[in-house]
Amino acid sequence: MAKSIAEWMREGEELYLGAVRDFEDLEAQLQDIEKRHAIKKDEVNQIARIIGKPMVEGNRRVVAELVDDIDSMSPTNSSSTIARALTGRNIAR
């Protein structure tokens, strides 16, 4: 027997709530690990200062941002722009 829309929605809601709980649990674990990492970094650097070793660096997390904006000052890829580029003339107008 086919499921009703209400049953599909109920199952979707259950999946969503379970995923949110997992996400929040992982986020809490991550915060705990970051806290422990900072404490350990301080400990290592304190020892390093005492025995003359190099200090360890901090957060190594890489952050990237995708930029989808087109600069209004950049030339377009029109046929006239391409023709100017091929003939060695100035692209920007």
Protein backbone atom coordinates (compact mmCIF):
# COMPACT_ATOMS: atom_id res chain seq x y z
CA MET A 1 0.00 0.00 0.00
CA ALA A 2 1.33 3.46 -0.91
CA LYS A 3 2.20 5.92 1.81
CA SER A 4 0.16 9.05 2.23
CA ILE A 5 1.72 12.48 2.00
CA ALA A 6 1.25 12.86 5.75
CA GLU A 7 3.28 9.68 6.34
CA TRP A 8 6.05 10.89 4.02
CA MET A 9 6.13 14.24 5.82
CA ARG A 10 6.21 12.53 9.23
CA GLU A 11 9.14 10.35 8.14
CA GLY A 12 10.91 13.38 6.69
CA GLU A 13 10.40 15.25 9.96
CA GLU A 14 11.86 12.32 11.92
CA LEU A 15 14.89 12.15 9.61
CA TYR A 16 15.39 15.89 9.91
CA LEU A 17 15.16 15.89 13.72
CA GLY A 18 17.61 12.98 13.94
CA ALA A 19 20.06 14.74 11.64
CA VAL A 20 19.77 17.97 13.66
CA ARG A 21 20.46 16.03 16.89
CA ASP A 22 23.55 14.42 15.28
CA PHE A 23 24.73 17.81 14.04
CA GLU A 24 24.33 19.41 17.47
CA ASP A 25 26.12 16.47 19.12
CA LEU A 26 29.05 16.77 16.71
CA GLU A 27 29.15 20.52 17.24
CA ALA A 28 29.37 20.01 21.02
CA GLN A 29 32.14 17.45 20.55
CA LEU A 30 34.01 19.86 18.28
CA GLN A 31 33.78 22.65 20.85
CA ASP A 32 35.10 20.31 23.53
CA ILE A 33 38.01 19.22 21.32
CA GLU A 34 38.83 22.84 20.42
CA LYS A 35 38.87 23.73 24.13
CA ARG A 36 41.13 20.76 24.95
CA HIS A 37 43.35 21.66 21.97
CA ALA A 38 43.81 25.23 23.25
CA ILE A 39 44.69 23.96 26.73
CA LYS A 40 47.22 21.49 25.29
CA LYS A 41 48.72 24.22 23.06
CA ASP A 42 49.25 26.42 26.14
CA GLU A 43 50.86 23.50 27.97
CA VAL A 44 53.20 22.69 25.07
CA ASN A 45 54.19 26.34 24.64
CA GLN A 46 54.87 26.73 28.36
CA ILE A 47 57.21 23.73 28.22
CA ALA A 48 58.76 25.04 24.98
CA ARG A 49 59.57 28.39 26.62
CA ILE A 50 61.25 26.65 29.55
CA ILE A 51 63.43 24.29 27.50
CA GLY A 52 64.06 26.63 24.55
CA LYS A 53 62.07 24.80 21.90
CA PRO A 54 59.92 26.43 19.20
CA MET A 55 56.36 27.29 20.11
CA VAL A 56 53.52 25.50 18.34
CA GLU A 57 51.15 27.45 16.17
CA GLY A 58 47.48 27.97 16.83
CA ASN A 59 44.42 27.17 14.82
CA ARG A 60 45.22 25.43 11.54
CA ARG A 61 41.67 25.40 10.27
CA VAL A 62 41.46 26.57 6.67
CA VAL A 63 38.66 28.89 5.72
CA ALA A 64 37.73 29.52 2.11
CA GLU A 65 35.07 31.61 0.50
CA LEU A 66 33.71 31.20 -3.00
CA VAL A 67 33.13 34.52 -4.68
CA ASP A 68 30.65 34.58 -7.51
CA ASP A 69 30.64 38.32 -8.17
CA ILE A 70 31.91 39.67 -11.45
CA ASP A 71 33.95 42.80 -11.12
CA SER A 72 32.19 45.59 -12.99
CA MET A 73 35.58 46.97 -14.07
CA SER A 74 36.74 43.70 -15.67
CA PRO A 75 36.33 43.35 -19.42
CA THR A 76 33.52 41.23 -20.80
CA ASN A 77 33.97 38.25 -23.09
CA SER A 78 32.18 39.90 -25.98
CA SER A 79 33.41 39.40 -29.53
CA SER A 80 34.61 43.01 -29.70
CA THR A 81 36.66 42.57 -26.51
CA ILE A 82 38.18 39.37 -27.87
CA ALA A 83 38.95 41.09 -31.19
CA ARG A 84 40.71 43.98 -29.39
CA ALA A 85 42.75 41.49 -27.36
CA LEU A 86 43.78 39.56 -30.48
CA THR A 87 44.88 42.71 -32.26
CA GLY A 88 46.82 43.94 -29.23
CA ARG A 89 44.60 46.92 -28.56
CA ASN A 90 43.47 48.01 -25.09
CA ILE A 91 40.79 45.67 -23.72
CA ALA A 92 39.34 48.01 -21.09
CA ARG A 93 37.16 50.78 -22.36
